Amino acid sequence: MTPKEKAGEIVKKYRSIMPEDTDEWGIKQCALICVEEIMKIRHFDKFTDQSHYDYWQEVEQEIKKL
């Protein structure tokens, strides 16, 4: 899955569980927190190669573009 597709998938999942009156900014912030937590784990995991971390950085950028 491309970073753009993954970003859309994560935002879509948050949109489906958030209250109806939640604005798009709030949904994106939740998605960004999720990705930031994944990157923290990936960054400190010595068994994960750099490409995984780079992928999640790209996902983060794609969420910001939405």
PDB file of N, CA and C in Angstrom:
ATOM      1  N   MET A   1       0.860  -1.177   0.000  1.00  0.00           N
ATOM      2  CA  MET A   1       0.000   0.000   0.000  1.00  0.00           C
ATOM      3  C   MET A   1       0.902   1.235   0.000  1.00  0.00           C
ATOM      4  N   THR A   2       0.568   2.190  -0.831  1.00  0.00           N
ATOM      5  CA  THR A   2       1.371   3.407  -0.877  1.00  0.00           C
ATOM      6  C   THR A   2       1.130   4.240   0.380  1.00  0.00           C
ATOM      7  N   PRO A   3       2.054   5.151   0.710  1.00  0.00           N
ATOM      8  CA  PRO A   3       1.822   6.026   1.858  1.00  0.00           C
ATOM      9  C   PRO A   3       0.537   6.838   1.729  1.00  0.00           C
ATOM     10  N   LYS A   4       0.220   7.272   0.504  1.00  0.00           N
ATOM     11  CA  LYS A   4      -1.005   8.043   0.288  1.00  0.00           C
ATOM     12  C   LYS A   4      -2.239   7.188   0.572  1.00  0.00           C
ATOM     13  N   GLU A   5      -2.227   5.954   0.113  1.00  0.00           N
ATOM     14  CA  GLU A   5      -3.348   5.049   0.373  1.00  0.00           C
ATOM     15  C   GLU A   5      -3.482   4.753   1.862  1.00  0.00           C
ATOM     16  N   LYS A   6      -2.355   4.523   2.536  1.00  0.00           N
ATOM     17  CA  LYS A   6      -2.376   4.239   3.973  1.00  0.00           C
ATOM     18  C   LYS A   6      -2.896   5.440   4.748  1.00  0.00           C
ATOM     19  N   ALA A   7      -2.488   6.631   4.363  1.00  0.00           N
ATOM     20  CA  ALA A   7      -2.971   7.851   5.023  1.00  0.00           C
ATOM     21  C   ALA A   7      -4.488   7.942   4.900  1.00  0.00           C
ATOM     22  N   GLY A   8      -4.993   7.711   3.694  1.00  0.00           N
ATOM     23  CA  GLY A   8      -6.437   7.760   3.478  1.00  0.00           C
ATOM     24  C   GLY A   8      -7.166   6.708   4.285  1.00  0.00           C
ATOM     25  N   GLU A   9      -6.590   5.523   4.361  1.00  0.00           N
ATOM     26  CA  GLU A   9      -7.210   4.433   5.117  1.00  0.00           C
ATOM     27  C   GLU A   9      -7.303   4.778   6.605  1.00  0.00           C
ATOM     28  N   ILE A  10      -6.227   5.303   7.165  1.00  0.00           N
ATOM     29  CA  ILE A  10      -6.225   5.644   8.592  1.00  0.00           C
ATOM     30  C   ILE A  10      -7.236   6.741   8.887  1.00  0.00           C
ATOM     31  N   VAL A  11      -7.237   7.788   8.079  1.00  0.00           N
ATOM     32  CA  VAL A  11      -8.187   8.889   8.287  1.00  0.00           C
ATOM     33  C   VAL A  11      -9.619   8.379   8.144  1.00  0.00           C
ATOM     34  N   LYS A  12      -9.867   7.540   7.177  1.00  0.00           N
ATOM     35  CA  LYS A  12     -11.202   6.988   6.972  1.00  0.00           C
ATOM     36  C   LYS A  12     -11.662   6.187   8.194  1.00  0.00           C
ATOM     37  N   LYS A  13     -10.749   5.413   8.776  1.00  0.00           N
ATOM     38  CA  LYS A  13     -11.100   4.628   9.963  1.00  0.00           C
ATOM     39  C   LYS A  13     -11.444   5.531  11.139  1.00  0.00           C
ATOM     40  N   TYR A  14     -10.655   6.586  11.337  1.00  0.00           N
ATOM     41  CA  TYR A  14     -10.968   7.519  12.420  1.00  0.00           C
ATOM     42  C   TYR A  14     -12.283   8.229  12.151  1.00  0.00           C
ATOM     43  N   ARG A  15     -12.530   8.618  10.907  1.00  0.00           N
ATOM     44  CA  ARG A  15     -13.767   9.297  10.563  1.00  0.00           C
ATOM     45  C   ARG A  15     -14.976   8.425  10.906  1.00  0.00           C
ATOM     46  N   SER A  16     -14.831   7.115  10.734  1.00  0.00           N
ATOM     47  CA  SER A  16     -15.960   6.210  10.965  1.00  0.00           C
ATOM     48  C   SER A  16     -16.278   6.015  12.447  1.00  0.00           C
ATOM     49  N   ILE A  17     -15.338   6.312  13.331  1.00  0.00           N
ATOM     50  CA  ILE A  17     -15.590   6.090  14.757  1.00  0.00           C
ATOM     51  C   ILE A  17     -15.749   7.383  15.560  1.00  0.00           C
ATOM     52  N   MET A  18     -15.445   8.513  14.946  1.00  0.00           N
ATOM     53  CA  MET A  18     -15.547   9.790  15.655  1.00  0.00           C
ATOM     54  C   MET A  18     -16.991  10.281  15.646  1.00  0.00           C
ATOM     55  N   PRO A  19     -17.371  11.076  16.640  1.00  0.00           N
ATOM     56  CA  PRO A  19     -18.714  11.650  16.627  1.00  0.00           C
ATOM     57  C   PRO A  19     -18.945  12.444  15.338  1.00  0.00           C
ATOM     58  N   GLU A  20     -20.169  12.481  14.888  1.00  0.00           N
ATOM     59  CA  GLU A  20     -20.496  13.125  13.617  1.00  0.00           C
ATOM     60  C   GLU A  20     -20.103  14.594  13.559  1.00  0.00           C
ATOM     61  N   ASP A  21     -20.081  15.265  14.705  1.00  0.00           N
ATOM     62  CA  ASP A  21     -19.762  16.696  14.704  1.00  0.00           C
ATOM     63  C   ASP A  21     -18.257  16.978  14.781  1.00  0.00           C
ATOM     64  N   THR A  22     -17.432  15.937  14.710  1.00  0.00           N
ATOM     65  CA  THR A  22     -15.979  16.128  14.713  1.00  0.00           C
ATOM     66  C   THR A  22     -15.555  16.668  13.357  1.00  0.00           C
ATOM     67  N   ASP A  23     -14.805  17.770  13.393  1.00  0.00           N
ATOM     68  CA  ASP A  23     -14.369  18.347  12.124  1.00  0.00           C
ATOM     69  C   ASP A  23     -13.180  17.575  11.552  1.00  0.00           C
ATOM     70  N   GLU A  24     -12.886  17.844  10.296  1.00  0.00           N
ATOM     71  CA  GLU A  24     -11.821  17.122   9.589  1.00  0.00           C
ATOM     72  C   GLU A  24     -10.471  17.339  10.253  1.00  0.00           C
ATOM     73  N   TRP A  25     -10.240  18.538  10.786  1.00  0.00           N
ATOM     74  CA  TRP A  25      -8.977  18.828  11.469  1.00  0.00           C
ATOM     75  C   TRP A  25      -8.793  17.883  12.652  1.00  0.00           C
ATOM     76  N   GLY A  26      -9.828  17.684  13.453  1.00  0.00           N
ATOM     77  CA  GLY A  26      -9.753  16.801  14.614  1.00  0.00           C
ATOM     78  C   GLY A  26      -9.492  15.360  14.222  1.00  0.00           C
ATOM     79  N   ILE A  27     -10.126  14.925  13.148  1.00  0.00           N
ATOM     80  CA  ILE A  27      -9.914  13.563  12.661  1.00  0.00           C
ATOM     81  C   ILE A  27      -8.473  13.383  12.211  1.00  0.00           C
ATOM     82  N   LYS A  28      -7.951  14.356  11.470  1.00  0.00           N
ATOM     83  CA  LYS A  28      -6.564  14.277  11.007  1.00  0.00           C
ATOM     84  C   LYS A  28      -5.586  14.291  12.180  1.00  0.00           C
ATOM     85  N   GLN A  29      -5.887  15.050  13.213  1.00  0.00           N
ATOM     86  CA  GLN A  29      -5.005  15.091  14.380  1.00  0.00           C
ATOM     87  C   GLN A  29      -4.935  13.722  15.058  1.00  0.00           C
ATOM     88  N   CYS A  30      -6.059  13.053  15.159  1.00  0.00           N
ATOM     89  CA  CYS A  30      -6.068  11.702  15.735  1.00  0.00           C
ATOM     90  C   CYS A  30      -5.229  10.754  14.885  1.00  0.00           C
ATOM     91  N   ALA A  31      -5.386  10.841  13.572  1.00  0.00           N
ATOM     92  CA  ALA A  31      -4.607   9.994  12.673  1.00  0.00           C
ATOM     93  C   ALA A  31      -3.114  10.288  12.797  1.00  0.00           C
ATOM     94  N   LEU A  32      -2.765  11.559  12.930  1.00  0.00           N
ATOM     95  CA  LEU A  32      -1.358  11.933  13.073  1.00  0.00           C
ATOM     96  C   LEU A  32      -0.759  11.415  14.379  1.00  0.00           C
ATOM     97  N   ILE A  33      -1.539  11.460  15.449  1.00  0.00           N
ATOM     98  CA  ILE A  33      -1.065  10.919  16.729  1.00  0.00           C
ATOM     99  C   ILE A  33      -0.775   9.433  16.578  1.00  0.00           C
ATOM    100  N   CYS A  34      -1.649   8.723  15.906  1.00  0.00           N
ATOM    101  CA  CYS A  34      -1.461   7.293  15.661  1.00  0.00           C
ATOM    102  C   CYS A  34      -0.151   7.039  14.925  1.00  0.00           C
ATOM    103  N   VAL A  35       0.063   7.773  13.852  1.00  0.00           N
ATOM    104  CA  VAL A  35       1.277   7.592  13.047  1.00  0.00           C
ATOM    105  C   VAL A  35       2.524   7.978  13.842  1.00  0.00           C
ATOM    106  N   GLU A  36       2.447   9.043  14.624  1.00  0.00           N
ATOM    107  CA  GLU A  36       3.586   9.448  15.445  1.00  0.00           C
ATOM    108  C   GLU A  36       3.972   8.349  16.436  1.00  0.00           C
ATOM    109  N   GLU A  37       2.983   7.695  17.016  1.00  0.00           N
ATOM    110  CA  GLU A  37       3.264   6.604  17.949  1.00  0.00           C
ATOM    111  C   GLU A  37       3.911   5.415  17.231  1.00  0.00           C
ATOM    112  N   ILE A  38       3.440   5.120  16.032  1.00  0.00           N
ATOM    113  CA  ILE A  38       4.058   4.047  15.250  1.00  0.00           C
ATOM    114  C   ILE A  38       5.501   4.398  14.947  1.00  0.00           C
ATOM    115  N   MET A  39       5.756   5.656  14.582  1.00  0.00           N
ATOM    116  CA  MET A  39       7.130   6.064  14.249  1.00  0.00           C
ATOM    117  C   MET A  39       8.047   5.996  15.471  1.00  0.00           C
ATOM    118  N   LYS A  40       7.521   6.315  16.639  1.00  0.00           N
ATOM    119  CA  LYS A  40       8.331   6.200  17.853  1.00  0.00           C
ATOM    120  C   LYS A  40       8.795   4.764  18.052  1.00  0.00           C
ATOM    121  N   ILE A  41       7.886   3.836  17.887  1.00  0.00           N
ATOM    122  CA  ILE A  41       8.224   2.424  18.042  1.00  0.00           C
ATOM    123  C   ILE A  41       9.215   2.003  16.969  1.00  0.00           C
ATOM    124  N   ARG A  42       8.936   2.370  15.733  1.00  0.00           N
ATOM    125  CA  ARG A  42       9.814   1.994  14.617  1.00  0.00           C
ATOM    126  C   ARG A  42      11.195   2.609  14.778  1.00  0.00           C
ATOM    127  N   HIS A  43      11.265   3.843  15.276  1.00  0.00           N
ATOM    128  CA  HIS A  43      12.541   4.535  15.423  1.00  0.00           C
ATOM    129  C   HIS A  43      13.443   3.844  16.448  1.00  0.00           C
ATOM    130  N   PHE A  44      12.861   3.344  17.510  1.00  0.00           N
ATOM    131  CA  PHE A  44      13.647   2.730  18.576  1.00  0.00           C
ATOM    132  C   PHE A  44      13.812   1.224  18.445  1.00  0.00           C
ATOM    133  N   ASP A  45      13.153   0.654  17.456  1.00  0.00           N
ATOM    134  CA  ASP A  45      13.238  -0.788  17.239  1.00  0.00           C
ATOM    135  C   ASP A  45      14.465  -1.100  16.401  1.00  0.00           C
ATOM    136  N   LYS A  46      15.501  -1.634  17.027  1.00  0.00           N
ATOM    137  CA  LYS A  46      16.757  -1.878  16.318  1.00  0.00           C
ATOM    138  C   LYS A  46      16.645  -2.972  15.261  1.00  0.00           C
ATOM    139  N   PHE A  47      15.538  -3.701  15.249  1.00  0.00           N
ATOM    140  CA  PHE A  47      15.363  -4.774  14.288  1.00  0.00           C
ATOM    141  C   PHE A  47      14.589  -4.325  13.040  1.00  0.00           C
ATOM    142  N   THR A  48      14.136  -3.094  13.033  1.00  0.00           N
ATOM    143  CA  THR A  48      13.383  -2.554  11.902  1.00  0.00           C
ATOM    144  C   THR A  48      14.322  -1.721  11.038  1.00  0.00           C
ATOM    145  N   ASP A  49      14.280  -1.953   9.746  1.00  0.00           N
ATOM    146  CA  ASP A  49      15.178  -1.163   8.907  1.00  0.00           C
ATOM    147  C   ASP A  49      14.607   0.233   8.650  1.00  0.00           C
ATOM    148  N   GLN A  50      15.449   1.114   8.212  1.00  0.00           N
ATOM    149  CA  GLN A  50      15.100   2.525   8.045  1.00  0.00           C
ATOM    150  C   GLN A  50      13.930   2.737   7.085  1.00  0.00           C
ATOM    151  N   SER A  51      13.765   1.853   6.123  1.00  0.00           N
ATOM    152  CA  SER A  51      12.701   2.043   5.140  1.00  0.00           C
ATOM    153  C   SER A  51      11.313   2.028   5.788  1.00  0.00           C
ATOM    154  N   HIS A  52      11.138   1.265   6.858  1.00  0.00           N
ATOM    155  CA  HIS A  52       9.850   1.256   7.557  1.00  0.00           C
ATOM    156  C   HIS A  52       9.568   2.620   8.193  1.00  0.00           C
ATOM    157  N   TYR A  53      10.585   3.176   8.820  1.00  0.00           N
ATOM    158  CA  TYR A  53      10.438   4.499   9.439  1.00  0.00           C
ATOM    159  C   TYR A  53      10.143   5.547   8.366  1.00  0.00           C
ATOM    160  N   ASP A  54      10.872   5.470   7.268  1.00  0.00           N
ATOM    161  CA  ASP A  54      10.674   6.410   6.160  1.00  0.00           C
ATOM    162  C   ASP A  54       9.257   6.314   5.600  1.00  0.00           C
ATOM    163  N   TYR A  55       8.745   5.102   5.494  1.00  0.00           N
ATOM    164  CA  TYR A  55       7.379   4.886   5.003  1.00  0.00           C
ATOM    165  C   TYR A  55       6.385   5.644   5.887  1.00  0.00           C
ATOM    166  N   TRP A  56       6.523   5.498   7.202  1.00  0.00           N
ATOM    167  CA  TRP A  56       5.570   6.138   8.102  1.00  0.00           C
ATOM    168  C   TRP A  56       5.729   7.649   8.098  1.00  0.00           C
ATOM    169  N   GLN A  57       6.934   8.138   7.837  1.00  0.00           N
ATOM    170  CA  GLN A  57       7.113   9.585   7.684  1.00  0.00           C
ATOM    171  C   GLN A  57       6.335  10.073   6.460  1.00  0.00           C
ATOM    172  N   GLU A  58       6.354   9.308   5.400  1.00  0.00           N
ATOM    173  CA  GLU A  58       5.601   9.662   4.200  1.00  0.00           C
ATOM    174  C   GLU A  58       4.096   9.616   4.465  1.00  0.00           C
ATOM    175  N   VAL A  59       3.651   8.620   5.228  1.00  0.00           N
ATOM    176  CA  VAL A  59       2.229   8.539   5.593  1.00  0.00           C
ATOM    177  C   VAL A  59       1.832   9.804   6.360  1.00  0.00           C
ATOM    178  N   GLU A  60       2.666  10.198   7.291  1.00  0.00           N
ATOM    179  CA  GLU A  60       2.402  11.413   8.072  1.00  0.00           C
ATOM    180  C   GLU A  60       2.237  12.624   7.148  1.00  0.00           C
ATOM    181  N   GLN A  61       3.128  12.773   6.186  1.00  0.00           N
ATOM    182  CA  GLN A  61       3.052  13.897   5.250  1.00  0.00           C
ATOM    183  C   GLN A  61       1.777  13.839   4.413  1.00  0.00           C
ATOM    184  N   GLU A  62       1.377  12.649   4.011  1.00  0.00           N
ATOM    185  CA  GLU A  62       0.154  12.490   3.218  1.00  0.00           C
ATOM    186  C   GLU A  62      -1.094  12.845   4.030  1.00  0.00           C
ATOM    187  N   ILE A  63      -1.104  12.503   5.311  1.00  0.00           N
ATOM    188  CA  ILE A  63      -2.249  12.880   6.163  1.00  0.00           C
ATOM    189  C   ILE A  63      -2.340  14.390   6.240  1.00  0.00           C
ATOM    190  N   LYS A  64      -1.212  15.046   6.379  1.00  0.00           N
ATOM    191  CA  LYS A  64      -1.209  16.517   6.463  1.00  0.00           C
ATOM    192  C   LYS A  64      -1.731  17.159   5.187  1.00  0.00           C
ATOM    193  N   LYS A  65      -1.554  16.488   4.047  1.00  0.00           N
ATOM    194  CA  LYS A  65      -2.026  17.019   2.764  1.00  0.00           C
ATOM    195  C   LYS A  65      -3.535  16.851   2.575  1.00  0.00           C
ATOM    196  N   LEU A  66      -4.127  15.910   3.296  1.00  0.00           N
ATOM    197  CA  LEU A  66      -5.560  15.631   3.117  1.00  0.00           C
ATOM    198  C   LEU A  66      -6.421  16.814   3.547  1.00  0.00           C
TER     199      LEU A  66
END
